[in-house]
Protein backbone atom coordinates (compact mmCIF):
# COMPACT_ATOMS: atom_id res chain seq x y z
CA UNK A 1 10.11 -28.39 6.00
CA UNK A 2 9.89 -32.45 7.25
CA UNK A 3 13.07 -33.23 5.04
CA UNK A 4 14.93 -30.49 7.72
CA UNK A 5 16.99 -29.19 4.76
CA UNK A 6 19.48 -26.64 6.32
CA UNK A 7 18.85 -22.57 4.95
CA UNK A 8 22.11 -21.68 7.11
CA UNK A 9 21.36 -17.98 5.19
CA UNK A 10 17.57 -17.86 5.88
CA UNK A 11 16.97 -14.64 8.69
CA UNK A 12 13.18 -16.39 8.82
CA UNK A 13 13.86 -20.15 9.38
CA UNK A 14 16.94 -22.80 9.57
CA UNK A 15 15.31 -25.27 7.07
CA UNK A 16 13.78 -24.80 3.61
CA UNK A 17 10.36 -23.94 3.30
CA UNK A 18 8.27 -23.35 0.70
CA UNK A 19 5.71 -20.96 0.19
CA UNK A 20 3.27 -20.82 -2.75
CA UNK A 21 0.83 -18.30 -4.36
CA UNK A 22 -1.69 -20.10 -7.19
CA UNK A 23 -4.03 -18.07 -9.23
CA UNK A 24 -7.30 -19.13 -11.31
CA UNK A 25 -9.52 -17.75 -13.81
CA UNK A 26 -12.29 -19.36 -15.88
CA UNK A 27 -11.59 -19.68 -19.27
CA UNK A 28 -12.73 -15.96 -20.90
CA UNK A 29 -11.63 -14.48 -23.90
CA UNK A 30 -11.14 -11.67 -22.80
CA UNK A 31 -8.76 -12.50 -19.73
CA UNK A 32 -5.88 -10.71 -18.78
CA UNK A 33 -3.03 -12.63 -18.28
CA UNK A 34 -1.15 -9.66 -16.17
CA UNK A 35 -4.13 -9.61 -14.20
CA UNK A 36 -3.71 -13.60 -13.42
CA UNK A 37 0.13 -13.04 -12.62
CA UNK A 38 -0.89 -9.75 -10.29
CA UNK A 39 -3.02 -12.17 -8.52
CA UNK A 40 -0.86 -15.34 -7.86
CA UNK A 41 2.20 -13.08 -6.82
CA UNK A 42 -0.20 -11.26 -4.10
CA UNK A 43 -1.21 -14.73 -2.73
CA UNK A 44 2.45 -15.65 -2.72
CA UNK A 45 3.00 -12.86 -0.79
CA UNK A 46 -0.14 -13.66 1.22
CA UNK A 47 1.64 -16.80 2.06
CA UNK A 48 4.77 -15.51 2.91
CA UNK A 49 2.99 -13.05 5.08
CA UNK A 50 0.75 -15.47 7.06
CA UNK A 51 3.55 -17.71 8.24
CA UNK A 52 5.41 -19.23 5.09
CA UNK A 53 5.11 -22.94 4.19
CA UNK A 54 1.83 -22.68 2.85
CA UNK A 55 -0.33 -22.41 -0.46
CA UNK A 56 -2.47 -19.73 -0.75
CA UNK A 57 -4.90 -19.48 -4.05
CA UNK A 58 -6.93 -16.26 -5.15
CA UNK A 59 -9.68 -16.19 -7.83
CA UNK A 60 -9.29 -13.98 -10.80
């Protein structure tokens, strides 16, 4: 956002911003990779829904 890169096609913001969803899991033999991916996706949407241009993390 600080760079002020134009985002002319956006209906949300006139400059490019970044929203990131992160998920972490403690090392486990029975950890399900699909659950980890779903949690990261959920975190991304929480970042977007809560104002965009931020990082949200989830613990699996």
